[in-house]
C-alpha atoms as a PDB file:
ATOM      1  CA  UNK A   1     192.056 171.865 122.484  1.00  0.00           C
ATOM      2  CA  UNK A   2     190.841 168.288 122.697  1.00  0.00           C
ATOM      3  CA  UNK A   3     187.511 167.396 121.089  1.00  0.00           C
ATOM      4  CA  UNK A   4     184.881 166.434 123.651  1.00  0.00           C
ATOM      5  CA  UNK A   5     181.403 164.970 123.384  1.00  0.00           C
ATOM      6  CA  UNK A   6     178.570 164.591 125.839  1.00  0.00           C
ATOM      7  CA  UNK A   7     174.964 163.502 125.574  1.00  0.00           C
ATOM      8  CA  UNK A   8     172.357 166.220 125.945  1.00  0.00           C
ATOM      9  CA  UNK A   9     169.672 166.246 128.624  1.00  0.00           C
ATOM     10  CA  UNK A  10     166.980 166.397 125.876  1.00  0.00           C
ATOM     11  CA  UNK A  11     168.283 163.171 124.304  1.00  0.00           C
ATOM     12  CA  UNK A  12     166.712 159.694 124.046  1.00  0.00           C
ATOM     13  CA  UNK A  13     163.591 160.459 122.025  1.00  0.00           C
ATOM     14  CA  UNK A  14     161.861 157.071 121.728  1.00  0.00           C
ATOM     15  CA  UNK A  15     158.970 156.238 119.395  1.00  0.00           C
ATOM     16  CA  UNK A  16     157.119 152.961 120.044  1.00  0.00           C
ATOM     17  CA  UNK A  17     155.239 151.738 116.975  1.00  0.00           C
ATOM     18  CA  UNK A  18     155.315 149.005 114.334  1.00  0.00           C
ATOM     19  CA  UNK A  19     158.550 150.653 113.198  1.00  0.00           C
ATOM     20  CA  UNK A  20     160.124 151.857 116.463  1.00  0.00           C
ATOM     21  CA  UNK A  21     162.849 154.490 116.415  1.00  0.00           C
ATOM     22  CA  UNK A  22     165.182 156.201 118.860  1.00  0.00           C
ATOM     23  CA  UNK A  23     167.217 159.379 118.671  1.00  0.00           C
ATOM     24  CA  UNK A  24     170.232 160.302 120.787  1.00  0.00           C
ATOM     25  CA  UNK A  25     171.461 163.898 120.816  1.00  0.00           C
ATOM     26  CA  UNK A  26     174.997 165.079 121.577  1.00  0.00           C
ATOM     27  CA  UNK A  27     177.060 168.218 121.922  1.00  0.00           C
ATOM     28  CA  UNK A  28     180.551 168.215 120.396  1.00  0.00           C
ATOM     29  CA  UNK A  29     183.149 170.841 121.405  1.00  0.00           C
ATOM     30  CA  UNK A  30     186.669 171.591 120.264  1.00  0.00           C
ATOM     31  CA  UNK A  31     186.564 171.579 116.423  1.00  0.00           C
ATOM     32  CA  UNK A  32     185.226 173.532 113.473  1.00  0.00           C
ATOM     33  CA  UNK A  33     185.720 170.570 111.118  1.00  0.00           C
ATOM     34  CA  UNK A  34     182.482 168.734 110.259  1.00  0.00           C
ATOM     35  CA  UNK A  35     184.302 165.481 109.508  1.00  0.00           C
ATOM     36  CA  UNK A  36     185.988 165.493 112.910  1.00  0.00           C
ATOM     37  CA  UNK A  37     182.631 166.247 114.527  1.00  0.00           C
ATOM     38  CA  UNK A  38     180.994 163.292 112.752  1.00  0.00           C
ATOM     39  CA  UNK A  39     183.845 160.945 113.640  1.00  0.00           C
ATOM     40  CA  UNK A  40     183.531 162.016 117.270  1.00  0.00           C
ATOM     41  CA  UNK A  41     179.786 161.386 117.295  1.00  0.00           C
ATOM     42  CA  UNK A  42     180.263 157.977 115.678  1.00  0.00           C
ATOM     43  CA  UNK A  43     182.898 156.996 118.241  1.00  0.00           C
ATOM     44  CA  UNK A  44     180.912 158.400 121.137  1.00  0.00           C
ATOM     45  CA  UNK A  45     177.525 156.828 120.338  1.00  0.00           C
ATOM     46  CA  UNK A  46     176.495 153.175 120.687  1.00  0.00           C
ATOM     47  CA  UNK A  47     176.100 151.016 117.581  1.00  0.00           C
ATOM     48  CA  UNK A  48     172.877 149.583 119.039  1.00  0.00           C
ATOM     49  CA  UNK A  49     170.282 151.006 121.415  1.00  0.00           C
ATOM     50  CA  UNK A  50     168.464 148.669 123.815  1.00  0.00           C
ATOM     51  CA  UNK A  51     165.027 150.264 124.207  1.00  0.00           C
ATOM     52  CA  UNK A  52     163.918 148.305 127.315  1.00  0.00           C
ATOM     53  CA  UNK A  53     167.371 147.392 128.651  1.00  0.00           C
ATOM     54  CA  UNK A  54     166.451 143.701 128.472  1.00  0.00           C
ATOM     55  CA  UNK A  55     167.390 142.757 124.883  1.00  0.00           C
ATOM     56  CA  UNK A  56     163.757 142.423 123.777  1.00  0.00           C
ATOM     57  CA  UNK A  57     163.927 145.403 121.391  1.00  0.00           C
ATOM     58  CA  UNK A  58     167.296 146.434 120.026  1.00  0.00           C
ATOM     59  CA  UNK A  59     167.525 149.233 117.460  1.00  0.00           C
ATOM     60  CA  UNK A  60     170.556 149.745 115.239  1.00  0.00           C
ATOM     61  CA  UNK A  61     172.366 152.944 114.385  1.00  0.00           C
ATOM     62  CA  UNK A  62     170.965 154.127 111.075  1.00  0.00           C
ATOM     63  CA  UNK A  63     172.347 157.637 110.558  1.00  0.00           C
ATOM     64  CA  UNK A  64     174.540 160.364 112.053  1.00  0.00           C
ATOM     65  CA  UNK A  65     174.089 164.064 111.401  1.00  0.00           C
ATOM     66  CA  UNK A  66     175.891 167.129 112.755  1.00  0.00           C
ATOM     67  CA  UNK A  67     175.034 170.828 112.696  1.00  0.00           C
ATOM     68  CA  UNK A  68     177.291 173.780 113.657  1.00  0.00           C
ATOM     69  CA  UNK A  69     175.781 175.936 116.405  1.00  0.00           C
ATOM     70  CA  UNK A  70     178.799 178.075 117.380  1.00  0.00           C
ATOM     71  CA  UNK A  71     182.569 178.365 117.258  1.00  0.00           C
ATOM     72  CA  UNK A  72     183.976 174.849 117.738  1.00  0.00           C
ATOM     73  CA  UNK A  73     180.490 173.754 118.788  1.00  0.00           C
ATOM     74  CA  UNK A  74     178.237 171.173 117.125  1.00  0.00           C
ATOM     75  CA  UNK A  75     174.922 169.460 117.688  1.00  0.00           C
ATOM     76  CA  UNK A  76     175.042 165.771 116.811  1.00  0.00           C
ATOM     77  CA  UNK A  77     172.015 163.534 116.228  1.00  0.00           C
ATOM     78  CA  UNK A  78     172.181 159.730 116.000  1.00  0.00           C
ATOM     79  CA  UNK A  79     169.060 157.945 114.778  1.00  0.00           C
ATOM     80  CA  UNK A  80     168.294 154.290 115.476  1.00  0.00           C
ATOM     81  CA  UNK A  81     165.848 151.927 113.797  1.00  0.00           C
ATOM     82  CA  UNK A  82     165.445 148.263 112.990  1.00  0.00           C
ATOM     83  CA  UNK A  83     168.184 148.376 110.370  1.00  0.00           C
ATOM     84  CA  UNK A  84     169.638 144.845 110.257  1.00  0.00           C
ATOM     85  CA  UNK A  85     173.296 144.733 111.318  1.00  0.00           C
ATOM     86  CA  UNK A  86     176.132 143.339 109.211  1.00  0.00           C
ATOM     87  CA  UNK A  87     175.886 139.562 108.618  1.00  0.00           C
ATOM     88  CA  UNK A  88     172.118 139.612 109.195  1.00  0.00           C
ATOM     89  CA  UNK A  89     169.641 138.574 106.456  1.00  0.00           C
ATOM     90  CA  UNK A  90     165.996 139.057 105.487  1.00  0.00           C
ATOM     91  CA  UNK A  91     163.870 136.832 103.262  1.00  0.00           C
ATOM     92  CA  UNK A  92     160.684 137.100 101.190  1.00  0.00           C
ATOM     93  CA  UNK A  93     158.835 134.888  98.722  1.00  0.00           C
ATOM     94  CA  UNK A  94     155.929 134.896  96.278  1.00  0.00           C
ATOM     95  CA  UNK A  95     154.082 131.876  94.880  1.00  0.00           C
ATOM     96  CA  UNK A  96     152.075 133.879  92.373  1.00  0.00           C
ATOM     97  CA  UNK A  97     153.538 131.900  89.504  1.00  0.00           C
ATOM     98  CA  UNK A  98     154.125 132.850  85.892  1.00  0.00           C
ATOM     99  CA  UNK A  99     152.486 132.222  82.544  1.00  0.00           C
ATOM    100  CA  UNK A 100     153.352 129.774  79.813  1.00  0.00           C
ATOM    101  CA  UNK A 101     151.975 129.007  76.371  1.00  0.00           C
ATOM    102  CA  UNK A 102     151.210 125.315  76.096  1.00  0.00           C
ATOM    103  CA  UNK A 103     149.899 123.183  73.255  1.00  0.00           C
ATOM    104  CA  UNK A 104     149.231 120.006  75.249  1.00  0.00           C
ATOM    105  CA  UNK A 105     146.773 119.287  78.072  1.00  0.00           C
ATOM    106  CA  UNK A 106     147.673 117.185  81.087  1.00  0.00           C
ATOM    107  CA  UNK A 107     144.546 115.125  80.461  1.00  0.00           C
ATOM    108  CA  UNK A 108     141.703 115.198  77.957  1.00  0.00           C
ATOM    109  CA  UNK A 109     138.531 115.302  80.075  1.00  0.00           C
ATOM    110  CA  UNK A 110     135.822 114.977  77.429  1.00  0.00           C
ATOM    111  CA  UNK A 111     134.989 115.602  73.776  1.00  0.00           C
ATOM    112  CA  UNK A 112     131.627 116.008  72.066  1.00  0.00           C
ATOM    113  CA  UNK A 113     130.304 115.846  68.521  1.00  0.00           C
ATOM    114  CA  UNK A 114     126.894 116.248  66.838  1.00  0.00           C
ATOM    115  CA  UNK A 115     124.612 113.176  66.571  1.00  0.00           C
ATOM    116  CA  UNK A 116     126.005 110.714  64.105  1.00  0.00           C
ATOM    117  CA  UNK A 117     129.500 112.177  64.311  1.00  0.00           C
ATOM    118  CA  UNK A 118     132.557 111.225  66.379  1.00  0.00           C
ATOM    119  CA  UNK A 119     134.826 113.881  67.845  1.00  0.00           C
ATOM    120  CA  UNK A 120     138.432 113.111  66.874  1.00  0.00           C
ATOM    121  CA  UNK A 121     140.982 112.160  69.519  1.00  0.00           C
ATOM    122  CA  UNK A 122     143.666 114.887  69.350  1.00  0.00           C
ATOM    123  CA  UNK A 123     145.795 113.181  72.029  1.00  0.00           C
ATOM    124  CA  UNK A 124     145.654 116.208  74.314  1.00  0.00           C
ATOM    125  CA  UNK A 125     146.568 118.805  71.691  1.00  0.00           C
ATOM    126  CA  UNK A 126     144.815 122.122  72.428  1.00  0.00           C
ATOM    127  CA  UNK A 127     143.136 124.258  69.770  1.00  0.00           C
ATOM    128  CA  UNK A 128     143.778 121.951  66.842  1.00  0.00           C
ATOM    129  CA  UNK A 129     143.102 123.477  63.419  1.00  0.00           C
ATOM    130  CA  UNK A 130     143.735 122.109  59.935  1.00  0.00           C
ATOM    131  CA  UNK A 131     146.948 124.148  59.831  1.00  0.00           C
ATOM    132  CA  UNK A 132     148.365 123.683  63.299  1.00  0.00           C
ATOM    133  CA  UNK A 133     147.865 123.730  67.067  1.00  0.00           C
ATOM    134  CA  UNK A 134     146.989 127.074  68.657  1.00  0.00           C
ATOM    135  CA  UNK A 135     147.487 126.163  72.318  1.00  0.00           C
ATOM    136  CA  UNK A 136     146.595 128.351  75.313  1.00  0.00           C
ATOM    137  CA  UNK A 137     148.322 130.564  77.906  1.00  0.00           C
ATOM    138  CA  UNK A 138     148.127 129.200  81.459  1.00  0.00           C
ATOM    139  CA  UNK A 139     149.451 130.068  84.932  1.00  0.00           C
ATOM    140  CA  UNK A 140     152.324 127.794  85.911  1.00  0.00           C
ATOM    141  CA  UNK A 141     153.942 127.207  89.297  1.00  0.00           C
ATOM    142  CA  UNK A 142     156.906 129.539  89.682  1.00  0.00           C
ATOM    143  CA  UNK A 143     158.194 130.094  93.205  1.00  0.00           C
ATOM    144  CA  UNK A 144     159.854 133.494  93.325  1.00  0.00           C
ATOM    145  CA  UNK A 145     161.944 134.351  96.360  1.00  0.00           C
ATOM    146  CA  UNK A 146     164.470 136.951  97.385  1.00  0.00           C
ATOM    147  CA  UNK A 147     167.067 137.322 100.078  1.00  0.00           C
ATOM    148  CA  UNK A 148     168.703 140.472 101.396  1.00  0.00           C
ATOM    149  CA  UNK A 149     172.067 140.063 103.087  1.00  0.00           C
ATOM    150  CA  UNK A 150     174.105 142.697 104.905  1.00  0.00           C
ATOM    151  CA  UNK A 151     177.716 142.014 104.014  1.00  0.00           C
ATOM    152  CA  UNK A 152     180.935 143.593 105.262  1.00  0.00           C
ATOM    153  CA  UNK A 153     182.759 145.786 102.781  1.00  0.00           C
ATOM    154  CA  UNK A 154     185.659 143.311 102.697  1.00  0.00           C
ATOM    155  CA  UNK A 155     183.449 140.684 101.024  1.00  0.00           C
ATOM    156  CA  UNK A 156     181.872 142.850  98.310  1.00  0.00           C
ATOM    157  CA  UNK A 157     184.992 143.050  96.167  1.00  0.00           C
ATOM    158  CA  UNK A 158     185.184 143.658  92.403  1.00  0.00           C
ATOM    159  CA  UNK A 159     185.720 139.911  92.013  1.00  0.00           C
ATOM    160  CA  UNK A 160     182.516 139.166  93.937  1.00  0.00           C
ATOM    161  CA  UNK A 161     180.543 141.676  91.847  1.00  0.00           C
ATOM    162  CA  UNK A 162     181.885 139.937  88.730  1.00  0.00           C
ATOM    163  CA  UNK A 163     180.694 136.610  90.152  1.00  0.00           C
ATOM    164  CA  UNK A 164     177.187 138.032  90.602  1.00  0.00           C
ATOM    165  CA  UNK A 165     177.237 139.239  87.009  1.00  0.00           C
ATOM    166  CA  UNK A 166     178.454 135.897  85.694  1.00  0.00           C
ATOM    167  CA  UNK A 167     175.853 133.878  87.615  1.00  0.00           C
ATOM    168  CA  UNK A 168     172.897 136.053  86.608  1.00  0.00           C
ATOM    169  CA  UNK A 169     170.621 134.134  84.249  1.00  0.00           C
ATOM    170  CA  UNK A 170     172.078 130.779  85.289  1.00  0.00           C
ATOM    171  CA  UNK A 171     170.294 127.660  86.538  1.00  0.00           C
ATOM    172  CA  UNK A 172     171.751 125.643  89.418  1.00  0.00           C
ATOM    173  CA  UNK A 173     173.910 122.688  88.397  1.00  0.00           C
ATOM    174  CA  UNK A 174     174.132 121.527  92.028  1.00  0.00           C
ATOM    175  CA  UNK A 175     171.643 121.301  94.865  1.00  0.00           C
ATOM    176  CA  UNK A 176     170.874 124.852  96.024  1.00  0.00           C
ATOM    177  CA  UNK A 177     168.866 125.889  99.097  1.00  0.00           C
ATOM    178  CA  UNK A 178     167.021 122.585  99.134  1.00  0.00           C
ATOM    179  CA  UNK A 179     166.148 122.626  95.422  1.00  0.00           C
ATOM    180  CA  UNK A 180     167.213 119.901  93.010  1.00  0.00           C
ATOM    181  CA  UNK A 181     169.548 120.481  90.075  1.00  0.00           C
ATOM    182  CA  UNK A 182     167.814 122.455  87.338  1.00  0.00           C
ATOM    183  CA  UNK A 183     165.055 124.016  89.466  1.00  0.00           C
ATOM    184  CA  UNK A 184     166.461 127.443  90.454  1.00  0.00           C
ATOM    185  CA  UNK A 185     167.094 130.374  88.129  1.00  0.00           C
ATOM    186  CA  UNK A 186     169.209 133.254  89.497  1.00  0.00           C
ATOM    187  CA  UNK A 187     167.551 136.475  88.307  1.00  0.00           C
ATOM    188  CA  UNK A 188     170.278 138.795  89.538  1.00  0.00           C
ATOM    189  CA  UNK A 189     171.391 140.912  92.491  1.00  0.00           C
ATOM    190  CA  UNK A 190     171.576 144.564  93.449  1.00  0.00           C
ATOM    191  CA  UNK A 191     173.702 146.181  96.138  1.00  0.00           C
ATOM    192  CA  UNK A 192     173.826 149.448  98.053  1.00  0.00           C
ATOM    193  CA  UNK A 193     176.534 150.575 100.414  1.00  0.00           C
ATOM    194  CA  UNK A 194     175.052 151.663 103.740  1.00  0.00           C
ATOM    195  CA  UNK A 195     176.143 154.458 106.034  1.00  0.00           C
ATOM    196  CA  UNK A 196     177.591 151.899 108.417  1.00  0.00           C
ATOM    197  CA  UNK A 197     180.159 150.972 105.754  1.00  0.00           C
ATOM    198  CA  UNK A 198     178.695 147.581 104.916  1.00  0.00           C
ATOM    199  CA  UNK A 199     176.604 146.495 101.927  1.00  0.00           C
ATOM    200  CA  UNK A 200     172.918 145.683 101.552  1.00  0.00           C
ATOM    201  CA  UNK A 201     172.753 143.106  98.749  1.00  0.00           C
ATOM    202  CA  UNK A 202     169.461 141.732  97.446  1.00  0.00           C
ATOM    203  CA  UNK A 203     169.378 138.429  95.540  1.00  0.00           C
ATOM    204  CA  UNK A 204     166.399 137.375  93.383  1.00  0.00           C
ATOM    205  CA  UNK A 205     165.506 133.833  92.339  1.00  0.00           C
ATOM    206  CA  UNK A 206     162.746 131.868  90.638  1.00  0.00           C
ATOM    207  CA  UNK A 207     162.145 128.145  91.082  1.00  0.00           C
ATOM    208  CA  UNK A 208     160.270 125.797  88.780  1.00  0.00           C
ATOM    209  CA  UNK A 209     159.822 122.098  89.582  1.00  0.00           C
ATOM    210  CA  UNK A 210     161.461 119.285  87.647  1.00  0.00           C
ATOM    211  CA  UNK A 211     159.054 116.863  85.933  1.00  0.00           C
ATOM    212  CA  UNK A 212     159.562 113.127  85.410  1.00  0.00           C
ATOM    213  CA  UNK A 213     157.498 110.445  83.715  1.00  0.00           C
ATOM    214  CA  UNK A 214     155.294 112.858  81.791  1.00  0.00           C
ATOM    215  CA  UNK A 215     153.040 111.644  78.979  1.00  0.00           C
ATOM    216  CA  UNK A 216     152.194 113.692  75.892  1.00  0.00           C
ATOM    217  CA  UNK A 217     149.839 112.018  73.449  1.00  0.00           C
ATOM    218  CA  UNK A 218     151.162 108.508  72.947  1.00  0.00           C
ATOM    219  CA  UNK A 219     154.697 109.513  73.999  1.00  0.00           C
ATOM    220  CA  UNK A 220     155.607 108.445  77.535  1.00  0.00           C
ATOM    221  CA  UNK A 221     158.554 108.648  79.930  1.00  0.00           C
ATOM    222  CA  UNK A 222     159.294 112.329  79.345  1.00  0.00           C
ATOM    223  CA  UNK A 223     161.653 113.987  81.862  1.00  0.00           C
ATOM    224  CA  UNK A 224     162.200 117.747  81.957  1.00  0.00           C
ATOM    225  CA  UNK A 225     164.165 119.900  84.376  1.00  0.00           C
ATOM    226  CA  UNK A 226     162.381 122.965  85.701  1.00  0.00           C
ATOM    227  CA  UNK A 227     163.957 125.604  83.429  1.00  0.00           C
ATOM    228  CA  UNK A 228     164.391 123.492  80.319  1.00  0.00           C
ATOM    229  CA  UNK A 229     162.028 124.268  77.445  1.00  0.00           C
ATOM    230  CA  UNK A 230     159.666 121.610  76.136  1.00  0.00           C
ATOM    231  CA  UNK A 231     158.065 121.807  72.728  1.00  0.00           C
ATOM    232  CA  UNK A 232     155.991 119.379  70.714  1.00  0.00           C
ATOM    233  CA  UNK A 233     156.135 118.607  67.013  1.00  0.00           C
ATOM    234  CA  UNK A 234     152.857 117.755  65.344  1.00  0.00           C
ATOM    235  CA  UNK A 235     151.961 115.915  62.166  1.00  0.00           C
ATOM    236  CA  UNK A 236     148.762 115.331  60.252  1.00  0.00           C
ATOM    237  CA  UNK A 237     147.332 111.974  61.236  1.00  0.00           C
ATOM    238  CA  UNK A 238     144.065 110.363  60.273  1.00  0.00           C
ATOM    239  CA  UNK A 239     141.693 109.554  63.109  1.00  0.00           C
ATOM    240  CA  UNK A 240     140.134 106.361  61.767  1.00  0.00           C
ATOM    241  CA  UNK A 241     137.223 106.458  64.209  1.00  0.00           C
ATOM    242  CA  UNK A 242     136.221 110.028  63.363  1.00  0.00           C
ATOM    243  CA  UNK A 243     137.431 109.675  59.783  1.00  0.00           C
ATOM    244  CA  UNK A 244     139.215 113.046  59.997  1.00  0.00           C
ATOM    245  CA  UNK A 245     142.722 114.304  59.312  1.00  0.00           C
ATOM    246  CA  UNK A 246     143.973 116.061  62.455  1.00  0.00           C
ATOM    247  CA  UNK A 247     147.169 117.276  64.126  1.00  0.00           C
ATOM    248  CA  UNK A 248     148.720 114.863  66.621  1.00  0.00           C
ATOM    249  CA  UNK A 249     152.004 114.981  68.584  1.00  0.00           C
ATOM    250  CA  UNK A 250     154.656 112.804  66.977  1.00  0.00           C
ATOM    251  CA  UNK A 251     157.741 113.929  68.940  1.00  0.00           C
ATOM    252  CA  UNK A 252     158.658 115.838  72.092  1.00  0.00           C
ATOM    253  CA  UNK A 253     161.805 117.945  72.347  1.00  0.00           C
ATOM    254  CA  UNK A 254     163.563 119.188  75.494  1.00  0.00           C
ATOM    255  CA  UNK A 255     165.886 122.164  75.046  1.00  0.00           C
ATOM    256  CA  UNK A 256     168.314 123.813  77.471  1.00  0.00           C
ATOM    257  CA  UNK A 257     167.894 127.572  77.085  1.00  0.00           C
ATOM    258  CA  UNK A 258     169.723 128.835  80.205  1.00  0.00           C
ATOM    259  CA  UNK A 259     173.377 128.460  81.154  1.00  0.00           C
ATOM    260  CA  UNK A 260     174.047 126.243  84.164  1.00  0.00           C
ATOM    261  CA  UNK A 261     176.406 127.105  86.992  1.00  0.00           C
ATOM    262  CA  UNK A 262     177.009 126.491  90.673  1.00  0.00           C
ATOM    263  CA  UNK A 263     174.795 129.038  92.457  1.00  0.00           C
ATOM    264  CA  UNK A 264     176.468 128.131  95.732  1.00  0.00           C
ATOM    265  CA  UNK A 265     179.266 130.424  94.552  1.00  0.00           C
ATOM    266  CA  UNK A 266     176.967 133.275  95.628  1.00  0.00           C
ATOM    267  CA  UNK A 267     178.109 132.470  99.151  1.00  0.00           C
ATOM    268  CA  UNK A 268     174.694 132.871 100.775  1.00  0.00           C
END
């Protein structure tokens, strides 16, 4: 006996809301095998459901379920929602920033001392003590953004997963998504295979701006890429005006602490 499928009269349950859904209901005859029933429902139901028949609201097939109701008789339910189809993408971002411990100010605004005394010029060093420079924790601009892509199974191969692993924790060595070399850090990716047979893969990034021509104390012309680490070495120097021995910056060091790689190899 051939397997047949037809849509029920009590089908097409539509919910209009911020997250609209639709549900189509079917009857499948001619098999007692659940897999064959599911395959029949998948083949006999549309991948997308046009709610208004004008293309203004298209819902995508999210799930298929079957339930036996008699000998060689099944109820099939296909649910539709705004699940993005294969090759679609979604994007999000956050400019909340991060924190960083710094020992140098961008500018020294003012300094005060008791009458008859002169406050020493620490050249922007923050929290200077006889033994060192304490510094302060501040919020710094870090642009965090993520992208979710829906990729066909043929693209998410073991080799591609290995590429994701290898690029995690790397900074871009070529222009990437409009950012200059050195500004984007790839934080990693996570993937889930969907019922439709494709993959939902989320990619996470953080961006920090490059800096050029920075001045620290009396040291000028400092250039630092976004994810390089800058630290300052201090030395006891005598402030002749205040007649005090204080800590002042005598050298600035730029260190590369992340591997670099071509993030365009992500293919997104």
